[in-house]
Protein backbone atom coordinates (compact mmCIF):
# COMPACT_ATOMS: atom_id res chain seq x y z
CA UNK A 1 0.00 0.00 0.00
CA UNK A 2 1.10 3.51 -0.61
CA UNK A 3 2.17 5.76 2.20
CA UNK A 4 -0.29 8.66 2.10
CA UNK A 5 0.53 11.83 4.01
CA UNK A 6 -0.35 15.50 3.99
CA UNK A 7 1.77 17.36 1.42
CA UNK A 8 3.98 20.00 3.02
CA UNK A 9 3.57 22.43 0.11
CA UNK A 10 -0.13 22.22 -0.79
CA UNK A 11 -1.66 20.69 2.33
CA UNK A 12 -3.53 18.03 0.33
CA UNK A 13 -3.30 14.28 0.57
CA UNK A 14 -0.39 12.88 -1.39
CA UNK A 15 1.63 9.70 -1.79
CA UNK A 16 4.89 9.99 0.11
CA UNK A 17 8.12 8.54 -1.24
CA UNK A 18 11.71 8.98 -0.16
CA UNK A 19 14.41 8.08 -2.66
CA UNK A 20 18.10 8.73 -2.12
CA UNK A 21 17.27 11.16 0.67
CA UNK A 22 14.88 13.15 -1.53
CA UNK A 23 11.26 13.36 -0.38
CA UNK A 24 8.70 13.18 -3.18
CA UNK A 25 4.99 13.94 -2.83
CA UNK A 26 2.60 12.85 -5.59
CA UNK A 27 -0.94 14.19 -5.53
CA UNK A 28 -3.61 11.57 -4.91
CA UNK A 29 -6.26 11.82 -7.58
CA UNK A 30 -9.76 10.98 -6.40
CA UNK A 31 -10.25 8.50 -9.25
CA UNK A 32 -7.14 6.60 -8.21
CA UNK A 33 -8.27 6.55 -4.58
CA UNK A 34 -11.75 5.31 -5.50
CA UNK A 35 -10.28 2.54 -7.69
CA UNK A 36 -8.05 1.38 -4.84
CA UNK A 37 -10.99 1.45 -2.43
CA UNK A 38 -13.06 -0.62 -4.87
CA UNK A 39 -10.20 -3.14 -5.19
CA UNK A 40 -10.00 -3.43 -1.41
CA UNK A 41 -13.74 -3.93 -1.12
CA UNK A 42 -13.64 -6.76 -3.68
CA UNK A 43 -10.70 -8.40 -1.92
CA UNK A 44 -12.43 -8.18 1.45
CA UNK A 45 -15.63 -9.67 0.00
CA UNK A 46 -13.70 -12.64 -1.41
CA UNK A 47 -11.90 -13.09 1.91
CA UNK A 48 -15.18 -12.95 3.82
CA UNK A 49 -16.72 -15.59 1.55
CA UNK A 50 -13.74 -17.91 2.07
CA UNK A 51 -13.89 -17.46 5.83
CA UNK A 52 -17.61 -18.24 5.90
CA UNK A 53 -17.07 -21.39 3.83
CA UNK A 54 -14.29 -22.52 6.17
CA UNK A 55 -16.47 -21.85 9.20
CA UNK A 56 -19.17 -24.09 7.71
CA UNK A 57 -16.63 -26.84 7.10
CA UNK A 58 -15.39 -26.57 10.68
CA UNK A 59 -18.96 -26.76 11.99
CA UNK A 60 -19.60 -29.89 9.88
CA UNK A 61 -16.40 -31.53 11.12
CA UNK A 62 -17.35 -30.82 14.73
CA UNK A 63 -20.78 -32.41 14.17
CA UNK A 64 -19.29 -35.54 12.64
CA UNK A 65 -17.07 -36.24 15.68
PDB file of N, CA and C in Angstrom:
ATOM      1  N   UNK A   1       0.841  -1.172   0.000  1.00  0.00           N
ATOM      2  CA  UNK A   1       0.000   0.000   0.000  1.00  0.00           C
ATOM      3  C   UNK A   1       0.886   1.234   0.000  1.00  0.00           C
ATOM      4  N   UNK A   2       0.373   2.258  -0.550  1.00  0.00           N
ATOM      5  CA  UNK A   2       1.095   3.513  -0.614  1.00  0.00           C
ATOM      6  C   UNK A   2       1.050   4.213   0.735  1.00  0.00           C
ATOM      7  N   UNK A   3       2.108   4.950   0.995  1.00  0.00           N
ATOM      8  CA  UNK A   3       2.174   5.758   2.204  1.00  0.00           C
ATOM      9  C   UNK A   3       1.577   7.117   1.866  1.00  0.00           C
ATOM     10  N   UNK A   4       0.395   7.410   2.406  1.00  0.00           N
ATOM     11  CA  UNK A   4      -0.291   8.659   2.101  1.00  0.00           C
ATOM     12  C   UNK A   4      -0.131   9.601   3.282  1.00  0.00           C
ATOM     13  N   UNK A   5       0.329  10.809   2.978  1.00  0.00           N
ATOM     14  CA  UNK A   5       0.532  11.829   4.007  1.00  0.00           C
ATOM     15  C   UNK A   5       0.015  13.164   3.497  1.00  0.00           C
ATOM     16  N   UNK A   6       0.035  14.144   4.369  1.00  0.00           N
ATOM     17  CA  UNK A   6      -0.349  15.495   3.989  1.00  0.00           C
ATOM     18  C   UNK A   6       0.872  16.167   3.352  1.00  0.00           C
ATOM     19  N   UNK A   7       0.682  16.702   2.153  1.00  0.00           N
ATOM     20  CA  UNK A   7       1.766  17.363   1.423  1.00  0.00           C
ATOM     21  C   UNK A   7       2.177  18.639   2.167  1.00  0.00           C
ATOM     22  N   UNK A   8       3.473  18.834   2.303  1.00  0.00           N
ATOM     23  CA  UNK A   8       3.984  19.998   3.015  1.00  0.00           C
ATOM     24  C   UNK A   8       3.782  21.298   2.238  1.00  0.00           C
ATOM     25  N   UNK A   9       3.702  21.216   0.920  1.00  0.00           N
ATOM     26  CA  UNK A   9       3.572  22.433   0.112  1.00  0.00           C
ATOM     27  C   UNK A   9       2.130  22.839  -0.135  1.00  0.00           C
ATOM     28  N   UNK A  10       1.255  21.867  -0.441  1.00  0.00           N
ATOM     29  CA  UNK A  10      -0.127  22.223  -0.793  1.00  0.00           C
ATOM     30  C   UNK A  10      -1.135  21.900   0.297  1.00  0.00           C
ATOM     31  N   UNK A  11      -0.760  21.046   1.253  1.00  0.00           N
ATOM     32  CA  UNK A  11      -1.662  20.694   2.335  1.00  0.00           C
ATOM     33  C   UNK A  11      -2.672  19.615   1.984  1.00  0.00           C
ATOM     34  N   UNK A  12      -2.612  19.085   0.760  1.00  0.00           N
ATOM     35  CA  UNK A  12      -3.526  18.033   0.329  1.00  0.00           C
ATOM     36  C   UNK A  12      -2.944  16.654   0.592  1.00  0.00           C
ATOM     37  N   UNK A  13      -3.767  15.646   0.401  1.00  0.00           N
ATOM     38  CA  UNK A  13      -3.300  14.278   0.569  1.00  0.00           C
ATOM     39  C   UNK A  13      -2.441  13.897  -0.627  1.00  0.00           C
ATOM     40  N   UNK A  14      -1.312  13.254  -0.335  1.00  0.00           N
ATOM     41  CA  UNK A  14      -0.388  12.882  -1.394  1.00  0.00           C
ATOM     42  C   UNK A  14       0.357  11.618  -1.010  1.00  0.00           C
ATOM     43  N   UNK A  15       0.789  10.865  -2.030  1.00  0.00           N
ATOM     44  CA  UNK A  15       1.626   9.698  -1.789  1.00  0.00           C
ATOM     45  C   UNK A  15       3.012  10.201  -1.414  1.00  0.00           C
ATOM     46  N   UNK A  16       3.586   9.589  -0.401  1.00  0.00           N
ATOM     47  CA  UNK A  16       4.892   9.991   0.109  1.00  0.00           C
ATOM     48  C   UNK A  16       5.914   8.952  -0.301  1.00  0.00           C
ATOM     49  N   UNK A  17       7.035   9.432  -0.842  1.00  0.00           N
ATOM     50  CA  UNK A  17       8.120   8.543  -1.243  1.00  0.00           C
ATOM     51  C   UNK A  17       9.428   9.219  -0.905  1.00  0.00           C
ATOM     52  N   UNK A  18      10.371   8.446  -0.418  1.00  0.00           N
ATOM     53  CA  UNK A  18      11.708   8.978  -0.158  1.00  0.00           C
ATOM     54  C   UNK A  18      12.701   8.132  -0.943  1.00  0.00           C
ATOM     55  N   UNK A  19      13.454   8.789  -1.815  1.00  0.00           N
ATOM     56  CA  UNK A  19      14.406   8.075  -2.662  1.00  0.00           C
ATOM     57  C   UNK A  19      15.732   8.828  -2.634  1.00  0.00           C
ATOM     58  N   UNK A  20      16.761   8.142  -2.219  1.00  0.00           N
ATOM     59  CA  UNK A  20      18.101   8.734  -2.117  1.00  0.00           C
ATOM     60  C   UNK A  20      18.099  10.008  -1.286  1.00  0.00           C
ATOM     61  N   UNK A  21      17.320  10.011  -0.210  1.00  0.00           N
ATOM     62  CA  UNK A  21      17.265  11.161   0.674  1.00  0.00           C
ATOM     63  C   UNK A  21      16.374  12.289   0.195  1.00  0.00           C
ATOM     64  N   UNK A  22      15.764  12.128  -0.982  1.00  0.00           N
ATOM     65  CA  UNK A  22      14.883  13.155  -1.529  1.00  0.00           C
ATOM     66  C   UNK A  22      13.433  12.732  -1.272  1.00  0.00           C
ATOM     67  N   UNK A  23      12.663  13.637  -0.679  1.00  0.00           N
ATOM     68  CA  UNK A  23      11.264  13.360  -0.384  1.00  0.00           C
ATOM     69  C   UNK A  23      10.416  13.810  -1.564  1.00  0.00           C
ATOM     70  N   UNK A  24       9.541  12.901  -2.010  1.00  0.00           N
ATOM     71  CA  UNK A  24       8.699  13.183  -3.176  1.00  0.00           C
ATOM     72  C   UNK A  24       7.239  13.012  -2.770  1.00  0.00           C
ATOM     73  N   UNK A  25       6.425  14.018  -3.044  1.00  0.00           N
ATOM     74  CA  UNK A  25       4.989  13.939  -2.826  1.00  0.00           C
ATOM     75  C   UNK A  25       4.304  13.903  -4.189  1.00  0.00           C
ATOM     76  N   UNK A  26       3.373  12.956  -4.363  1.00  0.00           N
ATOM     77  CA  UNK A  26       2.599  12.854  -5.592  1.00  0.00           C
ATOM     78  C   UNK A  26       1.126  12.986  -5.228  1.00  0.00           C
ATOM     79  N   UNK A  27       0.458  13.931  -5.847  1.00  0.00           N
ATOM     80  CA  UNK A  27      -0.943  14.191  -5.534  1.00  0.00           C
ATOM     81  C   UNK A  27      -1.787  12.934  -5.736  1.00  0.00           C
ATOM     82  N   UNK A  28      -2.697  12.697  -4.805  1.00  0.00           N
ATOM     83  CA  UNK A  28      -3.612  11.565  -4.914  1.00  0.00           C
ATOM     84  C   UNK A  28      -4.852  12.048  -5.653  1.00  0.00           C
ATOM     85  N   UNK A  29      -5.074  11.484  -6.801  1.00  0.00           N
ATOM     86  CA  UNK A  29      -6.262  11.817  -7.581  1.00  0.00           C
ATOM     87  C   UNK A  29      -7.439  11.051  -6.999  1.00  0.00           C
ATOM     88  N   UNK A  30      -8.585  11.643  -6.972  1.00  0.00           N
ATOM     89  CA  UNK A  30      -9.757  10.980  -6.403  1.00  0.00           C
ATOM     90  C   UNK A  30     -10.091   9.696  -7.154  1.00  0.00           C
ATOM     91  N   UNK A  31      -9.945   9.708  -8.473  1.00  0.00           N
ATOM     92  CA  UNK A  31     -10.248   8.502  -9.255  1.00  0.00           C
ATOM     93  C   UNK A  31      -9.357   7.343  -8.828  1.00  0.00           C
ATOM     94  N   UNK A  32      -8.076   7.639  -8.615  1.00  0.00           N
ATOM     95  CA  UNK A  32      -7.140   6.597  -8.209  1.00  0.00           C
ATOM     96  C   UNK A  32      -7.542   6.062  -6.835  1.00  0.00           C
ATOM     97  N   UNK A  33      -7.884   6.957  -5.931  1.00  0.00           N
ATOM     98  CA  UNK A  33      -8.273   6.545  -4.585  1.00  0.00           C
ATOM     99  C   UNK A  33      -9.530   5.684  -4.626  1.00  0.00           C
ATOM    100  N   UNK A  34     -10.512   6.078  -5.415  1.00  0.00           N
ATOM    101  CA  UNK A  34     -11.749   5.311  -5.500  1.00  0.00           C
ATOM    102  C   UNK A  34     -11.504   3.935  -6.119  1.00  0.00           C
ATOM    103  N   UNK A  35     -10.602   3.844  -7.096  1.00  0.00           N
ATOM    104  CA  UNK A  35     -10.278   2.544  -7.691  1.00  0.00           C
ATOM    105  C   UNK A  35      -9.633   1.632  -6.659  1.00  0.00           C
ATOM    106  N   UNK A  36      -8.721   2.183  -5.869  1.00  0.00           N
ATOM    107  CA  UNK A  36      -8.053   1.383  -4.840  1.00  0.00           C
ATOM    108  C   UNK A  36      -9.058   0.924  -3.785  1.00  0.00           C
ATOM    109  N   UNK A  37      -9.971   1.805  -3.411  1.00  0.00           N
ATOM    110  CA  UNK A  37     -10.988   1.446  -2.427  1.00  0.00           C
ATOM    111  C   UNK A  37     -11.862   0.324  -2.971  1.00  0.00           C
ATOM    112  N   UNK A  38     -12.231   0.416  -4.243  1.00  0.00           N
ATOM    113  CA  UNK A  38     -13.056  -0.622  -4.866  1.00  0.00           C
ATOM    114  C   UNK A  38     -12.311  -1.958  -4.889  1.00  0.00           C
ATOM    115  N   UNK A  39     -11.006  -1.918  -5.192  1.00  0.00           N
ATOM    116  CA  UNK A  39     -10.203  -3.138  -5.187  1.00  0.00           C
ATOM    117  C   UNK A  39     -10.177  -3.761  -3.792  1.00  0.00           C
ATOM    118  N   UNK A  40     -10.025  -2.925  -2.784  1.00  0.00           N
ATOM    119  CA  UNK A  40      -9.997  -3.427  -1.408  1.00  0.00           C
ATOM    120  C   UNK A  40     -11.335  -4.036  -1.007  1.00  0.00           C
ATOM    121  N   UNK A  41     -12.416  -3.407  -1.430  1.00  0.00           N
ATOM    122  CA  UNK A  41     -13.744  -3.934  -1.116  1.00  0.00           C
ATOM    123  C   UNK A  41     -13.936  -5.310  -1.747  1.00  0.00           C
ATOM    124  N   UNK A  42     -13.511  -5.464  -3.004  1.00  0.00           N
ATOM    125  CA  UNK A  42     -13.638  -6.757  -3.680  1.00  0.00           C
ATOM    126  C   UNK A  42     -12.803  -7.817  -2.980  1.00  0.00           C
ATOM    127  N   UNK A  43     -11.580  -7.455  -2.598  1.00  0.00           N
ATOM    128  CA  UNK A  43     -10.702  -8.400  -1.921  1.00  0.00           C
ATOM    129  C   UNK A  43     -11.285  -8.813  -0.573  1.00  0.00           C
ATOM    130  N   UNK A  44     -11.836  -7.869   0.156  1.00  0.00           N
ATOM    131  CA  UNK A  44     -12.429  -8.180   1.450  1.00  0.00           C
ATOM    132  C   UNK A  44     -13.662  -9.066   1.296  1.00  0.00           C
ATOM    133  N   UNK A  45     -14.448  -8.841   0.248  1.00  0.00           N
ATOM    134  CA  UNK A  45     -15.632  -9.672   0.000  1.00  0.00           C
ATOM    135  C   UNK A  45     -15.214 -11.113  -0.280  1.00  0.00           C
ATOM    136  N   UNK A  46     -14.190 -11.295  -1.110  1.00  0.00           N
ATOM    137  CA  UNK A  46     -13.697 -12.641  -1.406  1.00  0.00           C
ATOM    138  C   UNK A  46     -13.183 -13.314  -0.138  1.00  0.00           C
ATOM    139  N   UNK A  47     -12.441 -12.559   0.655  1.00  0.00           N
ATOM    140  CA  UNK A  47     -11.899 -13.092   1.906  1.00  0.00           C
ATOM    141  C   UNK A  47     -13.031 -13.503   2.838  1.00  0.00           C
ATOM    142  N   UNK A  48     -14.043 -12.667   2.939  1.00  0.00           N
ATOM    143  CA  UNK A  48     -15.184 -12.954   3.818  1.00  0.00           C
ATOM    144  C   UNK A  48     -15.893 -14.228   3.380  1.00  0.00           C
ATOM    145  N   UNK A  49     -16.069 -14.402   2.065  1.00  0.00           N
ATOM    146  CA  UNK A  49     -16.723 -15.594   1.548  1.00  0.00           C
ATOM    147  C   UNK A  49     -15.912 -16.852   1.882  1.00  0.00           C
ATOM    148  N   UNK A  50     -14.595 -16.769   1.747  1.00  0.00           N
ATOM    149  CA  UNK A  50     -13.745 -17.913   2.065  1.00  0.00           C
ATOM    150  C   UNK A  50     -13.817 -18.258   3.549  1.00  0.00           C
ATOM    151  N   UNK A  51     -13.818 -17.231   4.384  1.00  0.00           N
ATOM    152  CA  UNK A  51     -13.891 -17.457   5.827  1.00  0.00           C
ATOM    153  C   UNK A  51     -15.214 -18.119   6.191  1.00  0.00           C
ATOM    154  N   UNK A  52     -16.304 -17.646   5.613  1.00  0.00           N
ATOM    155  CA  UNK A  52     -17.611 -18.236   5.904  1.00  0.00           C
ATOM    156  C   UNK A  52     -17.668 -19.693   5.471  1.00  0.00           C
ATOM    157  N   UNK A  53     -17.093 -20.005   4.308  1.00  0.00           N
ATOM    158  CA  UNK A  53     -17.074 -21.387   3.830  1.00  0.00           C
ATOM    159  C   UNK A  53     -16.255 -22.270   4.771  1.00  0.00           C
ATOM    160  N   UNK A  54     -15.117 -21.753   5.232  1.00  0.00           N
ATOM    161  CA  UNK A  54     -14.292 -22.523   6.167  1.00  0.00           C
ATOM    162  C   UNK A  54     -14.995 -22.721   7.507  1.00  0.00           C
ATOM    163  N   UNK A  55     -15.728 -21.713   7.951  1.00  0.00           N
ATOM    164  CA  UNK A  55     -16.470 -21.854   9.201  1.00  0.00           C
ATOM    165  C   UNK A  55     -17.537 -22.941   9.080  1.00  0.00           C
ATOM    166  N   UNK A  56     -18.184 -23.019   7.921  1.00  0.00           N
ATOM    167  CA  UNK A  56     -19.175 -24.085   7.705  1.00  0.00           C
ATOM    168  C   UNK A  56     -18.510 -25.453   7.726  1.00  0.00           C
ATOM    169  N   UNK A  57     -17.356 -25.564   7.108  1.00  0.00           N
ATOM    170  CA  UNK A  57     -16.629 -26.837   7.102  1.00  0.00           C
ATOM    171  C   UNK A  57     -16.249 -27.243   8.514  1.00  0.00           C
ATOM    172  N   UNK A  58     -15.789 -26.272   9.299  1.00  0.00           N
ATOM    173  CA  UNK A  58     -15.393 -26.573  10.675  1.00  0.00           C
ATOM    174  C   UNK A  58     -16.609 -27.038  11.471  1.00  0.00           C
ATOM    175  N   UNK A  59     -17.734 -26.365  11.291  1.00  0.00           N
ATOM    176  CA  UNK A  59     -18.961 -26.760  11.990  1.00  0.00           C
ATOM    177  C   UNK A  59     -19.362 -28.188  11.620  1.00  0.00           C
ATOM    178  N   UNK A  60     -19.263 -28.537  10.325  1.00  0.00           N
ATOM    179  CA  UNK A  60     -19.604 -29.893   9.879  1.00  0.00           C
ATOM    180  C   UNK A  60     -18.663 -30.925  10.470  1.00  0.00           C
ATOM    181  N   UNK A  61     -17.373 -30.599  10.542  1.00  0.00           N
ATOM    182  CA  UNK A  61     -16.402 -31.526  11.122  1.00  0.00           C
ATOM    183  C   UNK A  61     -16.667 -31.747  12.606  1.00  0.00           C
ATOM    184  N   UNK A  62     -17.053 -30.697  13.301  1.00  0.00           N
ATOM    185  CA  UNK A  62     -17.346 -30.824  14.725  1.00  0.00           C
ATOM    186  C   UNK A  62     -18.571 -31.702  14.945  1.00  0.00           C
ATOM    187  N   UNK A  63     -19.567 -31.594  14.066  1.00  0.00           N
ATOM    188  CA  UNK A  63     -20.785 -32.407  14.174  1.00  0.00           C
ATOM    189  C   UNK A  63     -20.489 -33.877  13.928  1.00  0.00           C
ATOM    190  N   UNK A  64     -19.580 -34.170  13.006  1.00  0.00           N
ATOM    191  CA  UNK A  64     -19.295 -35.542  12.643  1.00  0.00           C
ATOM    192  C   UNK A  64     -18.477 -36.286  13.700  1.00  0.00           C
ATOM    193  N   UNK A  65     -17.869 -35.565  14.627  1.00  0.00           N
ATOM    194  CA  UNK A  65     -17.074 -36.240  15.676  1.00  0.00           C
ATOM    195  C   UNK A  65     -17.906 -36.830  16.720  1.00  0.00           C
TER     196      UNK A  65
END
